[in-house]
């Protein structure tokens, strides 16, 4: 069985910002922001247009996947800075980053579960519940801060 291998001359090594945006699903404004933050790089043409190497698509995928689980851009940038410029994250790097961030992600999940449980107990009076008022809100001290669930804000 013959497999068609594309001619390397037909593969475009660089993409315009519009092409990267279309391929990655990331708005051009976000790509420019990522570039200002040093997360991705481009070169400028003689007409001052950005040209991105194809490896930036993998970096952008890494950025977006990391953001999806709540990793701040500054932390993502620290990881990407370990790679030489123009090098795409590989499987090994993804696995290492995931292992490093796993504990932080689990801590965030636990915090969100605690917040959910507190929210379920809250009846909107400013404390967690009438049964706990004497413990967490003695003498209705939270009332001085105004109406609503003060401990959830």
N, C-alpha and C. Protein backbone atom coordinates (compact mmCIF):
# COMPACT_ATOMS: atom_id res chain seq x y z
N UNK A 1 0.84 -1.16 0.00
CA UNK A 1 0.00 0.00 0.00
C UNK A 1 0.89 1.24 0.00
N UNK A 2 0.62 2.15 -0.88
CA UNK A 2 1.38 3.38 -0.98
C UNK A 2 0.78 4.44 -0.08
N UNK A 3 1.63 5.15 0.61
CA UNK A 3 1.20 6.24 1.46
C UNK A 3 1.73 7.53 0.86
N UNK A 4 0.84 8.48 0.68
CA UNK A 4 1.25 9.75 0.10
C UNK A 4 1.91 10.61 1.17
N UNK A 5 3.13 10.97 0.94
CA UNK A 5 3.85 11.85 1.84
C UNK A 5 3.93 13.21 1.16
N UNK A 6 3.42 14.24 1.81
CA UNK A 6 3.44 15.56 1.17
C UNK A 6 4.86 16.02 0.90
N UNK A 7 5.05 16.66 -0.21
CA UNK A 7 6.33 17.23 -0.57
C UNK A 7 6.67 18.33 0.44
N UNK A 8 7.87 18.27 1.00
CA UNK A 8 8.24 19.25 2.01
C UNK A 8 8.25 20.67 1.45
N UNK A 9 8.34 20.80 0.14
CA UNK A 9 8.31 22.13 -0.47
C UNK A 9 6.90 22.73 -0.37
N UNK A 10 5.87 21.88 -0.22
CA UNK A 10 4.50 22.35 -0.14
C UNK A 10 4.09 22.73 1.28
N UNK A 11 4.87 22.34 2.27
CA UNK A 11 4.55 22.64 3.66
C UNK A 11 5.06 24.05 3.96
N UNK A 12 4.15 24.91 4.36
CA UNK A 12 4.51 26.28 4.67
C UNK A 12 5.05 26.32 6.09
N UNK A 13 6.33 26.71 6.27
CA UNK A 13 6.91 26.70 7.61
C UNK A 13 6.42 27.85 8.48
N UNK A 14 5.92 28.92 7.85
CA UNK A 14 5.47 30.07 8.62
C UNK A 14 4.02 30.39 8.28
N UNK A 15 3.33 30.91 9.29
CA UNK A 15 1.92 31.23 9.15
C UNK A 15 1.69 32.69 9.52
N UNK A 16 0.69 33.29 8.90
CA UNK A 16 0.30 34.65 9.28
C UNK A 16 -0.48 34.58 10.59
N UNK A 17 -0.69 35.74 11.19
CA UNK A 17 -1.44 35.77 12.44
C UNK A 17 -2.87 35.28 12.21
N UNK A 18 -3.44 35.59 11.05
CA UNK A 18 -4.79 35.13 10.74
C UNK A 18 -4.85 33.62 10.60
N UNK A 19 -3.82 33.05 9.98
CA UNK A 19 -3.78 31.59 9.83
C UNK A 19 -3.60 30.90 11.18
N UNK A 20 -2.74 31.46 12.02
CA UNK A 20 -2.55 30.88 13.36
C UNK A 20 -3.84 31.00 14.16
N UNK A 21 -4.50 32.13 14.05
CA UNK A 21 -5.76 32.32 14.75
C UNK A 21 -6.80 31.30 14.30
N UNK A 22 -6.92 31.12 13.00
CA UNK A 22 -7.89 30.16 12.46
C UNK A 22 -7.55 28.73 12.87
N UNK A 23 -6.28 28.37 12.82
CA UNK A 23 -5.86 27.00 13.14
C UNK A 23 -5.97 26.71 14.64
N UNK A 24 -5.70 27.71 15.48
CA UNK A 24 -5.67 27.47 16.92
C UNK A 24 -6.98 27.80 17.61
N UNK A 25 -7.82 28.60 16.95
CA UNK A 25 -9.05 29.04 17.58
C UNK A 25 -8.84 30.15 18.58
N UNK A 26 -7.67 30.76 18.57
CA UNK A 26 -7.32 31.84 19.50
C UNK A 26 -7.40 33.16 18.74
N UNK A 27 -8.11 34.15 19.26
CA UNK A 27 -8.20 35.44 18.56
C UNK A 27 -6.82 36.07 18.36
N UNK A 28 -6.70 36.84 17.29
CA UNK A 28 -5.43 37.50 16.98
C UNK A 28 -4.99 38.41 18.13
N UNK A 29 -5.94 39.04 18.80
CA UNK A 29 -5.58 39.92 19.92
C UNK A 29 -4.91 39.12 21.04
N UNK A 30 -5.39 37.91 21.28
CA UNK A 30 -4.77 37.06 22.31
C UNK A 30 -3.39 36.61 21.87
N UNK A 31 -3.22 36.34 20.59
CA UNK A 31 -1.90 35.95 20.09
C UNK A 31 -0.90 37.08 20.28
N UNK A 32 -1.33 38.30 19.98
CA UNK A 32 -0.44 39.45 20.20
C UNK A 32 -0.11 39.59 21.69
N UNK A 33 -1.09 39.36 22.56
CA UNK A 33 -0.86 39.42 24.00
C UNK A 33 0.14 38.34 24.42
N UNK A 34 -0.06 37.11 23.95
CA UNK A 34 0.88 36.02 24.28
C UNK A 34 2.29 36.39 23.85
N UNK A 35 2.39 37.02 22.69
CA UNK A 35 3.71 37.41 22.19
C UNK A 35 4.33 38.49 23.09
N UNK A 36 3.55 39.47 23.50
CA UNK A 36 4.07 40.51 24.40
C UNK A 36 4.53 39.91 25.73
N UNK A 37 3.86 38.83 26.15
CA UNK A 37 4.23 38.17 27.40
C UNK A 37 5.40 37.21 27.24
N UNK A 38 5.87 37.02 26.00
CA UNK A 38 7.01 36.14 25.75
C UNK A 38 6.65 34.67 25.67
N UNK A 39 5.36 34.36 25.56
CA UNK A 39 4.93 32.96 25.51
C UNK A 39 5.13 32.36 24.12
N UNK A 40 4.98 33.17 23.09
CA UNK A 40 5.20 32.74 21.71
C UNK A 40 6.06 33.81 21.03
N UNK A 41 6.63 33.44 19.89
CA UNK A 41 7.49 34.37 19.16
C UNK A 41 7.07 34.40 17.70
N UNK A 42 7.37 35.52 17.07
CA UNK A 42 7.19 35.65 15.63
C UNK A 42 8.36 36.44 15.08
N UNK A 43 8.46 36.42 13.79
CA UNK A 43 9.42 37.31 13.14
C UNK A 43 8.61 38.31 12.35
N UNK A 44 9.21 39.41 12.00
CA UNK A 44 8.53 40.44 11.22
C UNK A 44 9.05 40.42 9.80
N UNK A 45 8.12 40.58 8.87
CA UNK A 45 8.50 40.68 7.46
C UNK A 45 8.99 42.10 7.19
N UNK A 46 9.45 42.33 5.99
CA UNK A 46 9.89 43.69 5.63
C UNK A 46 8.71 44.66 5.70
N UNK A 47 7.50 44.17 5.56
CA UNK A 47 6.29 44.99 5.69
C UNK A 47 5.77 45.05 7.12
N UNK A 48 6.57 44.56 8.08
CA UNK A 48 6.25 44.58 9.51
C UNK A 48 5.06 43.67 9.87
N UNK A 49 4.83 42.64 9.09
CA UNK A 49 3.78 41.67 9.41
C UNK A 49 4.38 40.51 10.19
N UNK A 50 3.59 39.99 11.12
CA UNK A 50 4.05 38.86 11.92
C UNK A 50 4.01 37.57 11.10
N UNK A 51 5.03 36.75 11.31
CA UNK A 51 5.06 35.41 10.74
C UNK A 51 5.44 34.46 11.87
N UNK A 52 4.59 33.46 12.08
CA UNK A 52 4.80 32.48 13.15
C UNK A 52 5.26 31.16 12.57
N UNK A 53 6.27 30.58 13.20
CA UNK A 53 6.68 29.24 12.80
C UNK A 53 5.60 28.26 13.22
N UNK A 54 5.47 27.18 12.51
CA UNK A 54 4.42 26.18 12.78
C UNK A 54 4.49 25.64 14.22
N UNK A 55 5.67 25.64 14.81
CA UNK A 55 5.80 25.13 16.18
C UNK A 55 5.01 25.96 17.19
N UNK A 56 4.68 27.20 16.82
CA UNK A 56 3.91 28.04 17.74
C UNK A 56 2.51 27.47 17.96
N UNK A 57 1.99 26.72 17.00
CA UNK A 57 0.68 26.09 17.19
C UNK A 57 0.70 25.14 18.38
N UNK A 58 1.77 24.40 18.54
CA UNK A 58 1.89 23.48 19.68
C UNK A 58 2.03 24.26 20.98
N UNK A 59 2.79 25.35 20.96
CA UNK A 59 2.92 26.18 22.15
C UNK A 59 1.56 26.77 22.55
N UNK A 60 0.82 27.23 21.56
CA UNK A 60 -0.50 27.81 21.83
C UNK A 60 -1.43 26.75 22.41
N UNK A 61 -1.37 25.54 21.88
CA UNK A 61 -2.20 24.45 22.43
C UNK A 61 -1.83 24.19 23.89
N UNK A 62 -0.55 24.23 24.20
CA UNK A 62 -0.09 24.02 25.57
C UNK A 62 -0.62 25.14 26.47
N UNK A 63 -0.53 26.38 25.99
CA UNK A 63 -1.01 27.53 26.76
C UNK A 63 -2.49 27.38 27.05
N UNK A 64 -3.27 27.10 26.01
CA UNK A 64 -4.72 27.01 26.18
C UNK A 64 -5.12 25.85 27.09
N UNK A 65 -4.48 24.70 26.93
CA UNK A 65 -4.80 23.56 27.79
C UNK A 65 -4.46 23.87 29.24
N UNK A 66 -3.34 24.54 29.46
CA UNK A 66 -2.92 24.90 30.82
C UNK A 66 -3.87 25.91 31.43
N UNK A 67 -4.28 26.90 30.65
CA UNK A 67 -5.23 27.90 31.14
C UNK A 67 -6.56 27.25 31.50
N UNK A 68 -6.97 26.26 30.74
CA UNK A 68 -8.25 25.60 30.97
C UNK A 68 -8.33 24.99 32.36
N UNK A 69 -7.19 24.51 32.87
CA UNK A 69 -7.20 23.93 34.22
C UNK A 69 -6.80 24.95 35.28
N UNK A 70 -6.72 26.23 34.89
CA UNK A 70 -6.51 27.30 35.85
C UNK A 70 -5.07 27.68 36.14
N UNK A 71 -4.14 27.27 35.31
CA UNK A 71 -2.75 27.63 35.53
C UNK A 71 -2.54 29.07 35.04
N UNK A 72 -1.99 29.94 35.87
CA UNK A 72 -1.78 31.34 35.46
C UNK A 72 -0.75 31.45 34.33
N UNK A 73 -0.91 32.46 33.49
CA UNK A 73 0.01 32.66 32.37
C UNK A 73 1.46 32.82 32.84
N UNK A 74 1.67 33.43 33.99
CA UNK A 74 3.04 33.61 34.47
C UNK A 74 3.71 32.25 34.72
N UNK A 75 2.96 31.31 35.25
CA UNK A 75 3.50 29.97 35.52
C UNK A 75 3.71 29.22 34.20
N UNK A 76 2.77 29.37 33.28
CA UNK A 76 2.92 28.76 31.96
C UNK A 76 4.17 29.31 31.28
N UNK A 77 4.37 30.61 31.40
CA UNK A 77 5.56 31.24 30.82
C UNK A 77 6.84 30.71 31.41
N UNK A 78 6.84 30.44 32.72
CA UNK A 78 8.04 29.88 33.36
C UNK A 78 8.39 28.53 32.74
N UNK A 79 7.39 27.72 32.49
CA UNK A 79 7.64 26.40 31.89
C UNK A 79 8.12 26.55 30.46
N UNK A 80 7.44 27.40 29.69
CA UNK A 80 7.84 27.58 28.29
C UNK A 80 9.22 28.21 28.15
N UNK A 81 9.63 28.98 29.14
CA UNK A 81 10.95 29.61 29.07
C UNK A 81 12.07 28.58 29.17
N UNK A 82 11.76 27.39 29.64
CA UNK A 82 12.76 26.33 29.73
C UNK A 82 13.07 25.73 28.36
N UNK A 83 12.18 25.98 27.40
CA UNK A 83 12.39 25.47 26.05
C UNK A 83 13.17 26.49 25.22
N UNK A 84 14.02 26.02 24.34
CA UNK A 84 14.68 26.96 23.42
C UNK A 84 13.63 27.65 22.54
N UNK A 85 13.92 28.86 22.12
CA UNK A 85 12.99 29.61 21.27
C UNK A 85 12.67 28.80 20.01
N UNK A 86 11.40 28.78 19.66
CA UNK A 86 10.98 28.09 18.45
C UNK A 86 10.78 26.59 18.61
N UNK A 87 11.04 26.06 19.80
CA UNK A 87 10.86 24.62 20.01
C UNK A 87 9.47 24.38 20.60
N UNK A 88 8.77 23.42 20.05
CA UNK A 88 7.42 23.11 20.52
C UNK A 88 7.48 22.19 21.73
N UNK A 89 6.52 22.35 22.65
CA UNK A 89 6.44 21.41 23.77
C UNK A 89 6.21 20.00 23.24
N UNK A 90 6.91 19.05 23.82
CA UNK A 90 6.72 17.66 23.41
C UNK A 90 5.96 16.89 24.49
N UNK A 91 5.71 15.64 24.24
CA UNK A 91 4.93 14.82 25.16
C UNK A 91 5.56 14.77 26.56
N UNK A 92 6.87 14.62 26.60
CA UNK A 92 7.57 14.53 27.88
C UNK A 92 7.38 15.81 28.70
N UNK A 93 7.44 16.96 28.03
CA UNK A 93 7.26 18.22 28.74
C UNK A 93 5.84 18.34 29.28
N UNK A 94 4.85 17.92 28.48
CA UNK A 94 3.45 17.97 28.91
C UNK A 94 3.27 17.10 30.16
N UNK A 95 3.87 15.92 30.15
CA UNK A 95 3.75 15.00 31.29
C UNK A 95 4.39 15.60 32.54
N UNK A 96 5.57 16.20 32.39
CA UNK A 96 6.25 16.82 33.55
C UNK A 96 5.44 17.98 34.09
N UNK A 97 4.93 18.82 33.21
CA UNK A 97 4.12 19.96 33.66
C UNK A 97 2.87 19.47 34.37
N UNK A 98 2.24 18.45 33.83
CA UNK A 98 1.03 17.91 34.44
C UNK A 98 1.33 17.37 35.83
N UNK A 99 2.45 16.69 35.98
CA UNK A 99 2.82 16.15 37.29
C UNK A 99 3.09 17.28 38.28
N UNK A 100 3.77 18.32 37.83
CA UNK A 100 4.08 19.45 38.72
C UNK A 100 2.81 20.18 39.13
N UNK A 101 1.88 20.32 38.21
CA UNK A 101 0.68 21.10 38.47
C UNK A 101 -0.44 20.27 39.08
N UNK A 102 -0.29 18.95 39.09
CA UNK A 102 -1.34 18.08 39.60
C UNK A 102 -1.73 18.40 41.03
N UNK A 103 -0.74 18.64 41.89
CA UNK A 103 -1.03 18.94 43.30
C UNK A 103 -1.79 20.26 43.43
N UNK A 104 -1.37 21.26 42.67
CA UNK A 104 -2.05 22.55 42.71
C UNK A 104 -3.49 22.43 42.20
N UNK A 105 -3.67 21.67 41.16
CA UNK A 105 -5.02 21.48 40.61
C UNK A 105 -5.90 20.75 41.62
N UNK A 106 -5.36 19.72 42.26
CA UNK A 106 -6.13 19.01 43.29
C UNK A 106 -6.49 19.92 44.45
N UNK A 107 -5.58 20.81 44.83
CA UNK A 107 -5.87 21.76 45.92
C UNK A 107 -7.00 22.70 45.51
N UNK A 108 -7.00 23.13 44.25
CA UNK A 108 -8.08 24.01 43.76
C UNK A 108 -9.41 23.27 43.75
N UNK A 109 -9.38 22.02 43.36
CA UNK A 109 -10.61 21.22 43.35
C UNK A 109 -11.15 21.10 44.78
N UNK A 110 -10.27 20.81 45.73
CA UNK A 110 -10.70 20.68 47.12
C UNK A 110 -11.28 22.00 47.63
N UNK A 111 -10.66 23.11 47.27
CA UNK A 111 -11.16 24.42 47.69
C UNK A 111 -12.54 24.68 47.08
N UNK A 112 -12.72 24.36 45.83
CA UNK A 112 -14.02 24.55 45.19
C UNK A 112 -15.08 23.67 45.83
N UNK A 113 -14.72 22.45 46.20
CA UNK A 113 -15.68 21.57 46.87
C UNK A 113 -16.08 22.14 48.23
N UNK A 114 -15.11 22.69 48.96
CA UNK A 114 -15.43 23.33 50.25
C UNK A 114 -16.35 24.52 50.03
N UNK A 115 -16.08 25.31 49.01
CA UNK A 115 -16.93 26.47 48.72
C UNK A 115 -18.33 26.02 48.34
N UNK A 116 -18.43 24.95 47.56
CA UNK A 116 -19.74 24.42 47.20
C UNK A 116 -20.50 23.98 48.44
N UNK A 117 -19.83 23.28 49.34
CA UNK A 117 -20.48 22.80 50.55
C UNK A 117 -20.91 23.97 51.44
N UNK A 118 -20.08 25.00 51.53
CA UNK A 118 -20.45 26.17 52.33
C UNK A 118 -21.63 26.89 51.69
N UNK A 119 -21.62 26.98 50.38
CA UNK A 119 -22.71 27.65 49.68
C UNK A 119 -24.01 26.90 49.92
N UNK A 120 -23.95 25.58 49.92
CA UNK A 120 -25.14 24.77 50.15
C UNK A 120 -25.70 25.03 51.54
N UNK A 121 -24.81 25.22 52.51
CA UNK A 121 -25.25 25.47 53.89
C UNK A 121 -25.75 26.89 54.08
N UNK A 122 -25.29 27.82 53.27
CA UNK A 122 -25.62 29.23 53.45
C UNK A 122 -27.09 29.47 53.14
N UNK A 123 -27.74 30.25 53.99
CA UNK A 123 -29.14 30.59 53.74
C UNK A 123 -29.28 32.05 53.40
N UNK A 124 -28.15 32.72 53.11
CA UNK A 124 -28.20 34.10 52.66
C UNK A 124 -28.28 35.14 53.76
N UNK A 125 -28.11 34.75 55.01
CA UNK A 125 -28.22 35.73 56.10
C UNK A 125 -26.89 36.38 56.42
N UNK A 126 -25.82 35.95 55.77
CA UNK A 126 -24.51 36.52 56.06
C UNK A 126 -23.61 35.58 56.81
N UNK A 127 -24.13 34.47 57.24
CA UNK A 127 -23.29 33.48 57.91
C UNK A 127 -23.50 32.14 57.19
N UNK A 128 -22.94 31.09 57.73
CA UNK A 128 -23.06 29.81 57.06
C UNK A 128 -24.39 29.12 57.35
N UNK A 129 -24.92 29.27 58.52
CA UNK A 129 -26.23 28.71 58.85
C UNK A 129 -26.64 29.21 60.22
N UNK A 130 -27.93 29.08 60.53
CA UNK A 130 -28.38 29.49 61.86
C UNK A 130 -27.71 28.65 62.95
N UNK A 131 -27.48 27.37 62.66
CA UNK A 131 -26.86 26.50 63.67
C UNK A 131 -25.44 26.93 63.98
N UNK A 132 -24.75 27.53 63.04
CA UNK A 132 -23.35 27.90 63.23
C UNK A 132 -23.17 29.37 63.59
N UNK A 133 -24.24 30.14 63.60
CA UNK A 133 -24.10 31.59 63.83
C UNK A 133 -23.32 31.91 65.10
N UNK A 134 -23.62 31.24 66.16
CA UNK A 134 -22.95 31.54 67.42
C UNK A 134 -21.45 31.25 67.35
N UNK A 135 -21.06 30.37 66.45
CA UNK A 135 -19.65 30.01 66.34
C UNK A 135 -18.89 30.90 65.35
N UNK A 136 -19.49 31.14 64.18
CA UNK A 136 -18.77 31.87 63.14
C UNK A 136 -19.20 33.31 62.99
N UNK A 137 -20.32 33.68 63.63
CA UNK A 137 -20.82 35.04 63.51
C UNK A 137 -21.47 35.47 64.81
N UNK A 138 -20.69 35.46 65.91
CA UNK A 138 -21.29 35.81 67.20
C UNK A 138 -21.85 37.22 67.18
N UNK A 139 -23.00 37.38 67.80
CA UNK A 139 -23.68 38.67 67.90
C UNK A 139 -23.95 39.30 66.53
N UNK A 140 -24.04 38.46 65.52
CA UNK A 140 -24.35 38.91 64.16
C UNK A 140 -23.41 40.04 63.72
N UNK A 141 -22.11 39.89 64.00
CA UNK A 141 -21.11 40.90 63.67
C UNK A 141 -21.03 41.16 62.17
N UNK A 142 -21.35 40.18 61.37
CA UNK A 142 -21.28 40.36 59.93
C UNK A 142 -22.35 41.31 59.40
N UNK A 143 -23.38 41.53 60.17
CA UNK A 143 -24.45 42.44 59.75
C UNK A 143 -23.91 43.85 59.53
N UNK A 144 -22.84 44.20 60.24
CA UNK A 144 -22.24 45.53 60.08
C UNK A 144 -21.63 45.72 58.69
N UNK A 145 -21.32 44.62 58.03
CA UNK A 145 -20.70 44.68 56.70
C UNK A 145 -21.74 44.77 55.59
N UNK A 146 -23.00 44.72 55.93
CA UNK A 146 -24.04 44.85 54.93
C UNK A 146 -24.76 43.54 54.68
N UNK A 147 -25.81 43.60 53.86
CA UNK A 147 -26.62 42.40 53.61
C UNK A 147 -25.90 41.40 52.70
N UNK A 148 -26.40 40.21 52.71
CA UNK A 148 -25.90 39.17 51.80
C UNK A 148 -24.95 38.21 52.49
N UNK A 149 -24.52 37.20 51.75
CA UNK A 149 -23.66 36.16 52.30
C UNK A 149 -22.20 36.64 52.41
N UNK A 150 -21.88 37.34 53.46
CA UNK A 150 -20.58 37.99 53.61
C UNK A 150 -19.41 37.01 53.56
N UNK A 151 -19.56 35.84 54.11
CA UNK A 151 -18.44 34.88 54.12
C UNK A 151 -18.20 34.26 52.76
N UNK A 152 -19.13 34.39 51.86
CA UNK A 152 -18.95 33.82 50.52
C UNK A 152 -18.37 34.84 49.55
N UNK A 153 -18.34 36.10 49.93
CA UNK A 153 -17.86 37.14 49.02
C UNK A 153 -16.37 37.26 49.06
